[in-house]
Amino acid sequence: MKIQKIFHYAYIVFAILFLYDAISKWSTDRNGAYMMLFFTALATFMFFFRKRFSKRQEERNNK
């Protein structure tokens, strides 16, 4: 379970890295920046999705 929680927060770390990359590419490579913004949104979505899924699984195991 602890490893899963570490991976949950790894999604947030990757989202921050993708956002930084998008900001740094914005003036030179607009298409690359849009791709990084897409990955930022995807990583953020995955964080919340995996966290919610883990919570549901934990509730099932407690019953």
PDB file of N, CA and C in Angstrom:
ATOM      1  N   MET A   1       0.809  -1.188   0.000  1.00  0.00           N
ATOM      2  CA  MET A   1       0.000   0.000   0.000  1.00  0.00           C
ATOM      3  C   MET A   1       0.861   1.265   0.000  1.00  0.00           C
ATOM      4  N   LYS A   2       1.980   1.231   0.706  1.00  0.00           N
ATOM      5  CA  LYS A   2       2.821   2.429   0.743  1.00  0.00           C
ATOM      6  C   LYS A   2       3.418   2.736  -0.625  1.00  0.00           C
ATOM      7  N   ILE A   3       3.741   1.707  -1.368  1.00  0.00           N
ATOM      8  CA  ILE A   3       4.312   1.924  -2.702  1.00  0.00           C
ATOM      9  C   ILE A   3       3.269   2.570  -3.609  1.00  0.00           C
ATOM     10  N   GLN A   4       2.014   2.172  -3.472  1.00  0.00           N
ATOM     11  CA  GLN A   4       0.955   2.790  -4.271  1.00  0.00           C
ATOM     12  C   GLN A   4       0.835   4.280  -3.960  1.00  0.00           C
ATOM     13  N   LYS A   5       0.937   4.651  -2.704  1.00  0.00           N
ATOM     14  CA  LYS A   5       0.834   6.062  -2.334  1.00  0.00           C
ATOM     15  C   LYS A   5       2.005   6.857  -2.887  1.00  0.00           C
ATOM     16  N   ILE A   6       3.172   6.238  -2.951  1.00  0.00           N
ATOM     17  CA  ILE A   6       4.335   6.911  -3.535  1.00  0.00           C
ATOM     18  C   ILE A   6       4.086   7.158  -5.019  1.00  0.00           C
ATOM     19  N   PHE A   7       3.530   6.169  -5.706  1.00  0.00           N
ATOM     20  CA  PHE A   7       3.247   6.331  -7.132  1.00  0.00           C
ATOM     21  C   PHE A   7       2.146   7.357  -7.382  1.00  0.00           C
ATOM     22  N   HIS A   8       1.204   7.483  -6.453  1.00  0.00           N
ATOM     23  CA  HIS A   8       0.176   8.521  -6.595  1.00  0.00           C
ATOM     24  C   HIS A   8       0.831   9.894  -6.678  1.00  0.00           C
ATOM     25  N   TYR A   9       1.751  10.155  -5.796  1.00  0.00           N
ATOM     26  CA  TYR A   9       2.404  11.456  -5.770  1.00  0.00           C
ATOM     27  C   TYR A   9       3.439  11.604  -6.879  1.00  0.00           C
ATOM     28  N   ALA A  10       3.878  10.510  -7.447  1.00  0.00           N
ATOM     29  CA  ALA A  10       4.786  10.593  -8.599  1.00  0.00           C
ATOM     30  C   ALA A  10       4.060  11.214  -9.791  1.00  0.00           C
ATOM     31  N   TYR A  11       2.755  10.953  -9.900  1.00  0.00           N
ATOM     32  CA  TYR A  11       1.978  11.592 -10.974  1.00  0.00           C
ATOM     33  C   TYR A  11       1.992  13.107 -10.830  1.00  0.00           C
ATOM     34  N   ILE A  12       1.891  13.586  -9.608  1.00  0.00           N
ATOM     35  CA  ILE A  12       1.917  15.038  -9.380  1.00  0.00           C
ATOM     36  C   ILE A  12       3.296  15.595  -9.709  1.00  0.00           C
ATOM     37  N   VAL A  13       4.339  14.876  -9.351  1.00  0.00           N
ATOM     38  CA  VAL A  13       5.703  15.324  -9.665  1.00  0.00           C
ATOM     39  C   VAL A  13       5.885  15.411 -11.179  1.00  0.00           C
ATOM     40  N   PHE A  14       5.407  14.409 -11.889  1.00  0.00           N
ATOM     41  CA  PHE A  14       5.508  14.441 -13.351  1.00  0.00           C
ATOM     42  C   PHE A  14       4.678  15.573 -13.945  1.00  0.00           C
ATOM     43  N   ALA A  15       3.520  15.837 -13.369  1.00  0.00           N
ATOM     44  CA  ALA A  15       2.692  16.940 -13.854  1.00  0.00           C
ATOM     45  C   ALA A  15       3.426  18.269 -13.700  1.00  0.00           C
ATOM     46  N   ILE A  16       4.105  18.446 -12.584  1.00  0.00           N
ATOM     47  CA  ILE A  16       4.873  19.678 -12.361  1.00  0.00           C
ATOM     48  C   ILE A  16       6.019  19.778 -13.362  1.00  0.00           C
ATOM     49  N   LEU A  17       6.698  18.661 -13.603  1.00  0.00           N
ATOM     50  CA  LEU A  17       7.796  18.674 -14.574  1.00  0.00           C
ATOM     51  C   LEU A  17       7.292  18.975 -15.985  1.00  0.00           C
ATOM     52  N   PHE A  18       6.170  18.380 -16.368  1.00  0.00           N
ATOM     53  CA  PHE A  18       5.604  18.655 -17.686  1.00  0.00           C
ATOM     54  C   PHE A  18       5.168  20.109 -17.807  1.00  0.00           C
ATOM     55  N   LEU A  19       4.606  20.659 -16.741  1.00  0.00           N
ATOM     56  CA  LEU A  19       4.187  22.061 -16.771  1.00  0.00           C
ATOM     57  C   LEU A  19       5.388  22.985 -16.914  1.00  0.00           C
ATOM     58  N   TYR A  20       6.457  22.695 -16.189  1.00  0.00           N
ATOM     59  CA  TYR A  20       7.677  23.491 -16.310  1.00  0.00           C
ATOM     60  C   TYR A  20       8.223  23.433 -17.741  1.00  0.00           C
ATOM     61  N   ASP A  21       8.218  22.238 -18.314  1.00  0.00           N
ATOM     62  CA  ASP A  21       8.700  22.077 -19.685  1.00  0.00           C
ATOM     63  C   ASP A  21       7.817  22.841 -20.671  1.00  0.00           C
ATOM     64  N   ALA A  22       6.506  22.827 -20.448  1.00  0.00           N
ATOM     65  CA  ALA A  22       5.590  23.552 -21.336  1.00  0.00           C
ATOM     66  C   ALA A  22       5.840  25.055 -21.268  1.00  0.00           C
ATOM     67  N   ILE A  23       6.059  25.552 -20.071  1.00  0.00           N
ATOM     68  CA  ILE A  23       6.315  26.989 -19.916  1.00  0.00           C
ATOM     69  C   ILE A  23       7.632  27.373 -20.577  1.00  0.00           C
ATOM     70  N   SER A  24       8.630  26.527 -20.433  1.00  0.00           N
ATOM     71  CA  SER A  24       9.932  26.856 -21.025  1.00  0.00           C
ATOM     72  C   SER A  24       9.910  26.760 -22.553  1.00  0.00           C
ATOM     73  N   LYS A  25       9.049  25.913 -23.116  1.00  0.00           N
ATOM     74  CA  LYS A  25       8.960  25.753 -24.575  1.00  0.00           C
ATOM     75  C   LYS A  25       7.972  26.718 -25.222  1.00  0.00           C
ATOM     76  N   TRP A  26       7.182  27.428 -24.446  1.00  0.00           N
ATOM     77  CA  TRP A  26       6.063  28.200 -24.975  1.00  0.00           C
ATOM     78  C   TRP A  26       6.477  29.174 -26.073  1.00  0.00           C
ATOM     79  N   SER A  27       7.578  29.893 -25.899  1.00  0.00           N
ATOM     80  CA  SER A  27       7.942  30.918 -26.883  1.00  0.00           C
ATOM     81  C   SER A  27       8.665  30.350 -28.097  1.00  0.00           C
ATOM     82  N   THR A  28       9.258  29.178 -27.985  1.00  0.00           N
ATOM     83  CA  THR A  28      10.024  28.623 -29.103  1.00  0.00           C
ATOM     84  C   THR A  28       9.275  27.545 -29.870  1.00  0.00           C
ATOM     85  N   ASP A  29       8.631  26.646 -29.171  1.00  0.00           N
ATOM     86  CA  ASP A  29       7.972  25.503 -29.809  1.00  0.00           C
ATOM     87  C   ASP A  29       6.554  25.372 -29.257  1.00  0.00           C
ATOM     88  N   ARG A  30       5.624  26.042 -29.883  1.00  0.00           N
ATOM     89  CA  ARG A  30       4.253  26.091 -29.369  1.00  0.00           C
ATOM     90  C   ARG A  30       3.592  24.710 -29.420  1.00  0.00           C
ATOM     91  N   ASN A  31       3.833  23.932 -30.474  1.00  0.00           N
ATOM     92  CA  ASN A  31       3.236  22.588 -30.561  1.00  0.00           C
ATOM     93  C   ASN A  31       3.760  21.669 -29.461  1.00  0.00           C
ATOM     94  N   GLY A  32       5.048  21.753 -29.177  1.00  0.00           N
ATOM     95  CA  GLY A  32       5.621  20.960 -28.089  1.00  0.00           C
ATOM     96  C   GLY A  32       5.069  21.378 -26.742  1.00  0.00           C
ATOM     97  N   ALA A  33       4.819  22.673 -26.587  1.00  0.00           N
ATOM     98  CA  ALA A  33       4.243  23.169 -25.335  1.00  0.00           C
ATOM     99  C   ALA A  33       2.823  22.637 -25.149  1.00  0.00           C
ATOM    100  N   TYR A  34       2.047  22.601 -26.227  1.00  0.00           N
ATOM    101  CA  TYR A  34       0.693  22.052 -26.119  1.00  0.00           C
ATOM    102  C   TYR A  34       0.723  20.565 -25.753  1.00  0.00           C
ATOM    103  N   MET A  35       1.685  19.850 -26.294  1.00  0.00           N
ATOM    104  CA  MET A  35       1.816  18.433 -25.962  1.00  0.00           C
ATOM    105  C   MET A  35       2.151  18.259 -24.474  1.00  0.00           C
ATOM    106  N   MET A  36       3.026  19.101 -23.964  1.00  0.00           N
ATOM    107  CA  MET A  36       3.380  19.022 -22.545  1.00  0.00           C
ATOM    108  C   MET A  36       2.195  19.410 -21.659  1.00  0.00           C
ATOM    109  N   LEU A  37       1.380  20.353 -22.094  1.00  0.00           N
ATOM    110  CA  LEU A  37       0.179  20.706 -21.339  1.00  0.00           C
ATOM    111  C   LEU A  37      -0.819  19.548 -21.328  1.00  0.00           C
ATOM    112  N   PHE A  38      -0.881  18.823 -22.437  1.00  0.00           N
ATOM    113  CA  PHE A  38      -1.733  17.630 -22.478  1.00  0.00           C
ATOM    114  C   PHE A  38      -1.231  16.586 -21.480  1.00  0.00           C
ATOM    115  N   PHE A  39       0.074  16.370 -21.434  1.00  0.00           N
ATOM    116  CA  PHE A  39       0.633  15.412 -20.481  1.00  0.00           C
ATOM    117  C   PHE A  39       0.438  15.874 -19.041  1.00  0.00           C
ATOM    118  N   THR A  40       0.476  17.186 -18.819  1.00  0.00           N
ATOM    119  CA  THR A  40       0.208  17.720 -17.490  1.00  0.00           C
ATOM    120  C   THR A  40      -1.211  17.385 -17.063  1.00  0.00           C
ATOM    121  N   ALA A  41      -2.155  17.611 -17.957  1.00  0.00           N
ATOM    122  CA  ALA A  41      -3.555  17.297 -17.652  1.00  0.00           C
ATOM    123  C   ALA A  41      -3.753  15.796 -17.445  1.00  0.00           C
ATOM    124  N   LEU A  42      -3.089  14.996 -18.257  1.00  0.00           N
ATOM    125  CA  LEU A  42      -3.206  13.545 -18.136  1.00  0.00           C
ATOM    126  C   LEU A  42      -2.634  13.050 -16.804  1.00  0.00           C
ATOM    127  N   ALA A  43      -1.486  13.553 -16.411  1.00  0.00           N
ATOM    128  CA  ALA A  43      -0.876  13.138 -15.151  1.00  0.00           C
ATOM    129  C   ALA A  43      -1.739  13.561 -13.964  1.00  0.00           C
ATOM    130  N   THR A  44      -2.330  14.751 -14.045  1.00  0.00           N
ATOM    131  CA  THR A  44      -3.209  15.210 -12.967  1.00  0.00           C
ATOM    132  C   THR A  44      -4.455  14.339 -12.887  1.00  0.00           C
ATOM    133  N   PHE A  45      -5.033  14.021 -14.041  1.00  0.00           N
ATOM    134  CA  PHE A  45      -6.192  13.132 -14.068  1.00  0.00           C
ATOM    135  C   PHE A  45      -5.845  11.767 -13.483  1.00  0.00           C
ATOM    136  N   MET A  46      -4.694  11.234 -13.866  1.00  0.00           N
ATOM    137  CA  MET A  46      -4.286   9.920 -13.365  1.00  0.00           C
ATOM    138  C   MET A  46      -4.094   9.934 -11.853  1.00  0.00           C
ATOM    139  N   PHE A  47      -3.580  11.036 -11.308  1.00  0.00           N
ATOM    140  CA  PHE A  47      -3.416  11.143  -9.860  1.00  0.00           C
ATOM    141  C   PHE A  47      -4.761  10.984  -9.161  1.00  0.00           C
ATOM    142  N   PHE A  48      -5.754  11.756  -9.590  1.00  0.00           N
ATOM    143  CA  PHE A  48      -7.050  11.699  -8.932  1.00  0.00           C
ATOM    144  C   PHE A  48      -7.766  10.381  -9.204  1.00  0.00           C
ATOM    145  N   PHE A  49      -7.633   9.845 -10.410  1.00  0.00           N
ATOM    146  CA  PHE A  49      -8.271   8.578 -10.743  1.00  0.00           C
ATOM    147  C   PHE A  49      -7.696   7.443  -9.914  1.00  0.00           C
ATOM    148  N   ARG A  50      -6.377   7.345  -9.845  1.00  0.00           N
ATOM    149  CA  ARG A  50      -5.748   6.259  -9.086  1.00  0.00           C
ATOM    150  C   ARG A  50      -6.017   6.393  -7.587  1.00  0.00           C
ATOM    151  N   LYS A  51      -6.043   7.615  -7.094  1.00  0.00           N
ATOM    152  CA  LYS A  51      -6.310   7.820  -5.674  1.00  0.00           C
ATOM    153  C   LYS A  51      -7.731   7.378  -5.328  1.00  0.00           C
ATOM    154  N   ARG A  52      -8.679   7.743  -6.181  1.00  0.00           N
ATOM    155  CA  ARG A  52     -10.067   7.345  -5.944  1.00  0.00           C
ATOM    156  C   ARG A  52     -10.228   5.831  -6.065  1.00  0.00           C
ATOM    157  N   PHE A  53      -9.588   5.230  -7.057  1.00  0.00           N
ATOM    158  CA  PHE A  53      -9.670   3.786  -7.250  1.00  0.00           C
ATOM    159  C   PHE A  53      -9.071   3.041  -6.059  1.00  0.00           C
ATOM    160  N   SER A  54      -7.949   3.525  -5.547  1.00  0.00           N
ATOM    161  CA  SER A  54      -7.321   2.881  -4.385  1.00  0.00           C
ATOM    162  C   SER A  54      -8.197   2.990  -3.153  1.00  0.00           C
ATOM    163  N   LYS A  55      -8.860   4.132  -2.991  1.00  0.00           N
ATOM    164  CA  LYS A  55      -9.746   4.308  -1.841  1.00  0.00           C
ATOM    165  C   LYS A  55     -10.916   3.335  -1.911  1.00  0.00           C
ATOM    166  N   ARG A  56     -11.480   3.153  -3.107  1.00  0.00           N
ATOM    167  CA  ARG A  56     -12.575   2.197  -3.268  1.00  0.00           C
ATOM    168  C   ARG A  56     -12.112   0.775  -2.963  1.00  0.00           C
ATOM    169  N   GLN A  57     -10.924   0.434  -3.439  1.00  0.00           N
ATOM    170  CA  GLN A  57     -10.413  -0.916  -3.197  1.00  0.00           C
ATOM    171  C   GLN A  57     -10.129  -1.140  -1.722  1.00  0.00           C
ATOM    172  N   GLU A  58      -9.644  -0.128  -1.044  1.00  0.00           N
ATOM    173  CA  GLU A  58      -9.379  -0.237   0.382  1.00  0.00           C
ATOM    174  C   GLU A  58     -10.681  -0.420   1.161  1.00  0.00           C
ATOM    175  N   GLU A  59     -11.733   0.283   0.758  1.00  0.00           N
ATOM    176  CA  GLU A  59     -13.035   0.114   1.419  1.00  0.00           C
ATOM    177  C   GLU A  59     -13.593  -1.279   1.197  1.00  0.00           C
ATOM    178  N   ARG A  60     -13.386  -1.842   0.008  1.00  0.00           N
ATOM    179  CA  ARG A  60     -13.844  -3.214  -0.249  1.00  0.00           C
ATOM    180  C   ARG A  60     -13.087  -4.219   0.601  1.00  0.00           C
ATOM    181  N   ASN A  61     -11.797  -3.993   0.786  1.00  0.00           N
ATOM    182  CA  ASN A  61     -10.991  -4.920   1.584  1.00  0.00           C
ATOM    183  C   ASN A  61     -11.359  -4.848   3.055  1.00  0.00           C
ATOM    184  N   ASN A  62     -11.819  -3.695   3.520  1.00  0.00           N
ATOM    185  CA  ASN A  62     -12.208  -3.563   4.933  1.00  0.00           C
ATOM    186  C   ASN A  62     -13.547  -4.217   5.226  1.00  0.00           C
ATOM    187  N   LYS A  63     -14.382  -4.405   4.201  1.00  0.00           N
ATOM    188  CA  LYS A  63     -15.720  -5.015   4.429  1.00  0.00           C
ATOM    189  C   LYS A  63     -15.645  -6.494   4.536  1.00  0.00           C
TER     190      LYS A  63
END
